[in-house]
């Protein structure tokens, strides 16, 4: 179950101001390497990494339990190229096979 502040649309809108791009996201972006991959981001939040992966030509699926965060993610420059799924990591199911599955520290801390 997501924290309530992730579900509040007005707070989701400003999330990237305090949790924007950082060196740890550079690390996750580099994990994909150069060739196109199928990537799953569990707990994708506002989609910063998903958007960056999509910009590089990867096939990206972003999963997050908070609708408000996904609404922000969908408006990113490459948001229309990402498959967005509203679900928790525990309930997410897919027939797809992924080359890379990531979960950054923020969603991992909620376990």
N, C-alpha and C. Protein backbone atom coordinates (compact mmCIF):
# COMPACT_ATOMS: atom_id res chain seq x y z
N UNK A 1 0.84 -1.18 0.00
CA UNK A 1 0.00 0.00 0.00
C UNK A 1 0.89 1.24 0.00
N UNK A 2 0.63 2.18 -0.91
CA UNK A 2 1.49 3.36 -1.00
C UNK A 2 1.27 4.31 0.18
N UNK A 3 2.32 5.08 0.47
CA UNK A 3 2.17 6.15 1.46
C UNK A 3 1.16 7.15 0.94
N UNK A 4 0.35 7.68 1.83
CA UNK A 4 -0.71 8.61 1.41
C UNK A 4 -0.17 9.83 0.66
N UNK A 5 1.03 10.32 1.02
CA UNK A 5 1.52 11.52 0.34
C UNK A 5 1.86 11.24 -1.12
N UNK A 6 2.07 9.97 -1.50
CA UNK A 6 2.28 9.65 -2.90
C UNK A 6 0.96 9.64 -3.67
N UNK A 7 -0.14 9.51 -2.97
CA UNK A 7 -1.45 9.47 -3.61
C UNK A 7 -2.07 10.85 -3.80
N UNK A 8 -1.54 11.85 -3.14
CA UNK A 8 -2.08 13.21 -3.22
C UNK A 8 -1.58 13.87 -4.52
N UNK A 9 -2.49 14.17 -5.46
CA UNK A 9 -2.06 14.75 -6.74
C UNK A 9 -1.22 16.02 -6.61
N UNK A 10 -1.54 16.87 -5.66
CA UNK A 10 -0.78 18.12 -5.52
C UNK A 10 0.65 17.85 -5.04
N UNK A 11 0.84 16.82 -4.22
CA UNK A 11 2.18 16.46 -3.77
C UNK A 11 2.95 15.70 -4.85
N UNK A 12 2.25 14.87 -5.60
CA UNK A 12 2.90 14.15 -6.71
C UNK A 12 3.43 15.14 -7.75
N UNK A 13 2.71 16.21 -7.97
CA UNK A 13 3.12 17.23 -8.95
C UNK A 13 4.48 17.85 -8.61
N UNK A 14 4.80 17.97 -7.34
CA UNK A 14 6.05 18.62 -6.94
C UNK A 14 7.12 17.62 -6.47
N UNK A 15 6.83 16.34 -6.56
CA UNK A 15 7.75 15.31 -6.09
C UNK A 15 9.15 15.44 -6.71
N UNK A 16 9.21 15.68 -8.01
CA UNK A 16 10.50 15.76 -8.70
C UNK A 16 11.34 16.94 -8.26
N UNK A 17 10.73 17.94 -7.64
CA UNK A 17 11.51 19.10 -7.15
C UNK A 17 12.46 18.69 -6.03
N UNK A 18 12.03 17.74 -5.21
CA UNK A 18 12.88 17.31 -4.10
C UNK A 18 13.52 15.95 -4.34
N UNK A 19 13.03 15.22 -5.32
CA UNK A 19 13.56 13.89 -5.62
C UNK A 19 13.85 13.76 -7.11
N UNK A 20 14.52 14.75 -7.65
CA UNK A 20 14.80 14.77 -9.08
C UNK A 20 15.99 13.90 -9.44
N UNK A 21 16.55 14.18 -10.60
CA UNK A 21 17.66 13.38 -11.10
C UNK A 21 18.85 13.50 -10.16
N UNK A 22 19.54 12.39 -9.95
CA UNK A 22 20.71 12.37 -9.07
C UNK A 22 21.70 11.33 -9.56
N UNK A 23 22.84 11.27 -8.94
CA UNK A 23 23.90 10.35 -9.36
C UNK A 23 23.46 8.89 -9.29
N UNK A 24 22.59 8.57 -8.34
CA UNK A 24 22.13 7.17 -8.28
C UNK A 24 21.30 6.82 -9.50
N UNK A 25 20.58 7.78 -10.07
CA UNK A 25 19.82 7.50 -11.28
C UNK A 25 20.75 7.30 -12.48
N UNK A 26 21.90 8.00 -12.48
CA UNK A 26 22.90 7.75 -13.51
C UNK A 26 23.35 6.29 -13.47
N UNK A 27 23.53 5.76 -12.26
CA UNK A 27 23.92 4.36 -12.08
C UNK A 27 22.88 3.43 -12.70
N UNK A 28 21.61 3.63 -12.36
CA UNK A 28 20.54 2.76 -12.90
C UNK A 28 20.42 2.89 -14.41
N UNK A 29 20.57 4.09 -14.92
CA UNK A 29 20.48 4.30 -16.36
C UNK A 29 21.61 3.55 -17.07
N UNK A 30 22.79 3.56 -16.51
CA UNK A 30 23.94 2.88 -17.12
C UNK A 30 23.78 1.36 -17.12
N UNK A 31 23.00 0.81 -16.20
CA UNK A 31 22.80 -0.64 -16.15
C UNK A 31 22.22 -1.20 -17.45
N UNK A 32 21.49 -0.38 -18.18
CA UNK A 32 20.84 -0.84 -19.41
C UNK A 32 21.83 -1.04 -20.55
N UNK A 33 22.98 -0.40 -20.47
CA UNK A 33 23.94 -0.52 -21.55
C UNK A 33 23.47 0.16 -22.81
N UNK A 34 24.10 -0.19 -23.94
CA UNK A 34 23.82 0.51 -25.18
C UNK A 34 22.74 -0.06 -26.05
N UNK A 35 22.56 -1.38 -26.05
CA UNK A 35 21.56 -1.96 -26.95
C UNK A 35 20.17 -1.92 -26.32
N UNK A 36 19.13 -1.82 -27.15
CA UNK A 36 17.76 -1.75 -26.61
C UNK A 36 17.40 -2.97 -25.76
N UNK A 37 16.75 -2.71 -24.66
CA UNK A 37 16.36 -3.76 -23.72
C UNK A 37 14.90 -3.59 -23.33
N UNK A 38 14.32 -4.67 -22.79
CA UNK A 38 13.00 -4.61 -22.16
C UNK A 38 13.26 -4.39 -20.67
N UNK A 39 12.78 -3.27 -20.16
CA UNK A 39 13.10 -2.86 -18.79
C UNK A 39 11.83 -2.71 -17.97
N UNK A 40 11.88 -3.23 -16.76
CA UNK A 40 10.79 -3.09 -15.79
C UNK A 40 11.31 -2.26 -14.62
N UNK A 41 10.60 -1.19 -14.30
CA UNK A 41 10.91 -0.34 -13.15
C UNK A 41 9.79 -0.51 -12.13
N UNK A 42 10.08 -1.24 -11.06
CA UNK A 42 9.10 -1.45 -9.98
C UNK A 42 9.17 -0.28 -9.01
N UNK A 43 8.03 0.35 -8.77
CA UNK A 43 8.01 1.53 -7.91
C UNK A 43 8.54 2.73 -8.67
N UNK A 44 8.09 2.89 -9.90
CA UNK A 44 8.63 3.91 -10.82
C UNK A 44 8.31 5.34 -10.42
N UNK A 45 7.34 5.53 -9.53
CA UNK A 45 7.02 6.90 -9.09
C UNK A 45 6.61 7.78 -10.24
N UNK A 46 7.25 8.95 -10.34
CA UNK A 46 6.91 9.91 -11.38
C UNK A 46 7.59 9.62 -12.71
N UNK A 47 8.26 8.49 -12.80
CA UNK A 47 8.77 8.02 -14.08
C UNK A 47 10.05 8.65 -14.61
N UNK A 48 10.85 9.25 -13.75
CA UNK A 48 12.09 9.86 -14.24
C UNK A 48 12.97 8.86 -14.98
N UNK A 49 13.21 7.71 -14.38
CA UNK A 49 14.05 6.70 -15.03
C UNK A 49 13.36 6.09 -16.23
N UNK A 50 12.09 5.80 -16.12
CA UNK A 50 11.36 5.24 -17.26
C UNK A 50 11.46 6.15 -18.47
N UNK A 51 11.28 7.43 -18.25
CA UNK A 51 11.36 8.41 -19.32
C UNK A 51 12.75 8.42 -19.94
N UNK A 52 13.78 8.36 -19.10
CA UNK A 52 15.16 8.37 -19.60
C UNK A 52 15.47 7.10 -20.39
N UNK A 53 15.00 5.96 -19.90
CA UNK A 53 15.19 4.70 -20.64
C UNK A 53 14.48 4.77 -21.99
N UNK A 54 13.24 5.25 -22.00
CA UNK A 54 12.47 5.34 -23.24
C UNK A 54 13.16 6.28 -24.23
N UNK A 55 13.74 7.37 -23.74
CA UNK A 55 14.45 8.31 -24.61
C UNK A 55 15.63 7.65 -25.32
N UNK A 56 16.18 6.60 -24.71
CA UNK A 56 17.31 5.87 -25.30
C UNK A 56 16.85 4.70 -26.17
N UNK A 57 15.54 4.53 -26.33
CA UNK A 57 15.02 3.51 -27.22
C UNK A 57 14.69 2.18 -26.58
N UNK A 58 14.68 2.13 -25.25
CA UNK A 58 14.34 0.89 -24.56
C UNK A 58 12.82 0.71 -24.50
N UNK A 59 12.39 -0.54 -24.40
CA UNK A 59 10.98 -0.90 -24.22
C UNK A 59 10.74 -0.93 -22.71
N UNK A 60 9.99 0.03 -22.19
CA UNK A 60 9.92 0.24 -20.75
C UNK A 60 8.52 0.01 -20.19
N UNK A 61 8.47 -0.67 -19.05
CA UNK A 61 7.25 -0.83 -18.27
C UNK A 61 7.51 -0.23 -16.90
N UNK A 62 6.65 0.70 -16.49
CA UNK A 62 6.75 1.31 -15.17
C UNK A 62 5.57 0.89 -14.32
N UNK A 63 5.85 0.40 -13.11
CA UNK A 63 4.81 -0.08 -12.21
C UNK A 63 4.88 0.71 -10.92
N UNK A 64 3.73 1.21 -10.49
CA UNK A 64 3.67 1.94 -9.23
C UNK A 64 2.25 1.82 -8.67
N UNK A 65 2.11 1.73 -7.35
CA UNK A 65 0.76 1.61 -6.78
C UNK A 65 0.02 2.95 -6.66
N UNK A 66 0.71 4.06 -6.87
CA UNK A 66 0.10 5.37 -6.65
C UNK A 66 -0.33 6.01 -7.98
N UNK A 67 -1.62 6.11 -8.19
CA UNK A 67 -2.17 6.69 -9.41
C UNK A 67 -1.67 8.12 -9.65
N UNK A 68 -1.59 8.91 -8.59
CA UNK A 68 -1.16 10.31 -8.73
C UNK A 68 0.27 10.39 -9.29
N UNK A 69 1.14 9.49 -8.85
CA UNK A 69 2.50 9.48 -9.36
C UNK A 69 2.52 9.07 -10.84
N UNK A 70 1.73 8.08 -11.19
CA UNK A 70 1.66 7.64 -12.59
C UNK A 70 1.08 8.73 -13.49
N UNK A 71 0.14 9.50 -12.98
CA UNK A 71 -0.43 10.60 -13.77
C UNK A 71 0.66 11.61 -14.13
N UNK A 72 1.57 11.87 -13.20
CA UNK A 72 2.71 12.76 -13.48
C UNK A 72 3.64 12.08 -14.49
N UNK A 73 3.93 10.81 -14.28
CA UNK A 73 4.84 10.06 -15.15
C UNK A 73 4.37 10.07 -16.60
N UNK A 74 3.10 9.92 -16.81
CA UNK A 74 2.55 9.85 -18.17
C UNK A 74 2.78 11.13 -18.95
N UNK A 75 2.99 12.24 -18.26
CA UNK A 75 3.19 13.53 -18.93
C UNK A 75 4.67 13.85 -19.20
N UNK A 76 5.56 12.93 -18.87
CA UNK A 76 6.98 13.14 -19.17
C UNK A 76 7.16 13.16 -20.69
N UNK A 77 8.27 13.72 -21.18
CA UNK A 77 8.47 13.84 -22.64
C UNK A 77 8.30 12.52 -23.41
N UNK A 78 8.73 11.40 -22.84
CA UNK A 78 8.60 10.11 -23.51
C UNK A 78 7.57 9.22 -22.82
N UNK A 79 6.69 9.84 -22.04
CA UNK A 79 5.68 9.11 -21.28
C UNK A 79 4.75 8.26 -22.13
N UNK A 80 4.47 8.71 -23.33
CA UNK A 80 3.57 7.93 -24.20
C UNK A 80 4.23 6.67 -24.74
N UNK A 81 5.54 6.55 -24.59
CA UNK A 81 6.28 5.39 -25.09
C UNK A 81 6.44 4.31 -24.01
N UNK A 82 5.98 4.59 -22.81
CA UNK A 82 6.14 3.67 -21.67
C UNK A 82 4.80 3.02 -21.36
N UNK A 83 4.85 1.75 -21.00
CA UNK A 83 3.65 1.07 -20.51
C UNK A 83 3.58 1.33 -19.01
N UNK A 84 2.54 2.02 -18.57
CA UNK A 84 2.36 2.37 -17.15
C UNK A 84 1.33 1.44 -16.54
N UNK A 85 1.66 0.86 -15.41
CA UNK A 85 0.75 -0.07 -14.74
C UNK A 85 0.61 0.32 -13.28
N UNK A 86 -0.64 0.49 -12.86
CA UNK A 86 -0.93 0.80 -11.46
C UNK A 86 -1.06 -0.51 -10.69
N UNK A 87 -0.03 -0.82 -9.91
CA UNK A 87 -0.02 -2.06 -9.11
C UNK A 87 1.15 -1.99 -8.14
N UNK A 88 1.03 -2.74 -7.07
CA UNK A 88 2.18 -2.89 -6.16
C UNK A 88 3.11 -3.94 -6.75
N UNK A 89 4.33 -3.97 -6.29
CA UNK A 89 5.28 -4.97 -6.75
C UNK A 89 4.78 -6.37 -6.43
N UNK A 90 4.12 -6.52 -5.29
CA UNK A 90 3.63 -7.82 -4.87
C UNK A 90 2.50 -8.34 -5.76
N UNK A 91 1.68 -7.45 -6.29
CA UNK A 91 0.54 -7.90 -7.10
C UNK A 91 0.80 -7.84 -8.60
N UNK A 92 1.87 -7.22 -9.03
CA UNK A 92 2.18 -7.10 -10.46
C UNK A 92 2.46 -8.46 -11.09
N UNK A 93 1.84 -8.70 -12.23
CA UNK A 93 2.07 -9.90 -13.03
C UNK A 93 2.18 -9.49 -14.49
N UNK A 94 3.03 -10.18 -15.23
CA UNK A 94 3.18 -9.87 -16.65
C UNK A 94 3.61 -11.11 -17.40
N UNK A 95 3.18 -11.21 -18.64
CA UNK A 95 3.61 -12.28 -19.53
C UNK A 95 4.95 -11.92 -20.18
N UNK A 96 5.34 -10.65 -20.09
CA UNK A 96 6.58 -10.20 -20.70
C UNK A 96 7.79 -10.78 -19.97
N UNK A 97 8.86 -10.92 -20.73
CA UNK A 97 10.17 -11.22 -20.13
C UNK A 97 10.98 -9.94 -20.21
N UNK A 98 11.74 -9.66 -19.16
CA UNK A 98 12.51 -8.43 -19.09
C UNK A 98 14.00 -8.73 -19.06
N UNK A 99 14.76 -7.85 -19.68
CA UNK A 99 16.22 -7.95 -19.66
C UNK A 99 16.80 -7.32 -18.41
N UNK A 100 16.09 -6.33 -17.88
CA UNK A 100 16.55 -5.60 -16.71
C UNK A 100 15.34 -5.23 -15.86
N UNK A 101 15.41 -5.56 -14.59
CA UNK A 101 14.37 -5.18 -13.63
C UNK A 101 15.05 -4.35 -12.55
N UNK A 102 14.53 -3.15 -12.32
CA UNK A 102 15.13 -2.29 -11.30
C UNK A 102 14.11 -1.90 -10.25
N UNK A 103 14.60 -1.59 -9.09
CA UNK A 103 13.82 -0.99 -8.01
C UNK A 103 14.81 -0.10 -7.25
N UNK A 104 14.60 1.19 -7.32
CA UNK A 104 15.51 2.11 -6.65
C UNK A 104 15.29 2.09 -5.14
N UNK A 105 16.10 2.82 -4.43
CA UNK A 105 16.06 2.79 -2.95
C UNK A 105 14.73 3.28 -2.38
N UNK A 106 14.11 4.28 -2.99
CA UNK A 106 12.88 4.83 -2.43
C UNK A 106 11.78 3.77 -2.31
N UNK A 107 11.43 3.04 -3.39
CA UNK A 107 10.40 2.01 -3.22
C UNK A 107 10.87 0.84 -2.36
N UNK A 108 12.17 0.52 -2.42
CA UNK A 108 12.69 -0.59 -1.65
C UNK A 108 12.50 -0.36 -0.15
N UNK A 109 12.62 0.89 0.29
CA UNK A 109 12.47 1.22 1.70
C UNK A 109 11.04 0.97 2.20
N UNK A 110 10.07 0.89 1.30
CA UNK A 110 8.69 0.70 1.74
C UNK A 110 8.39 -0.76 2.08
N UNK A 111 9.31 -1.66 1.80
CA UNK A 111 9.08 -3.08 2.13
C UNK A 111 9.33 -3.33 3.58
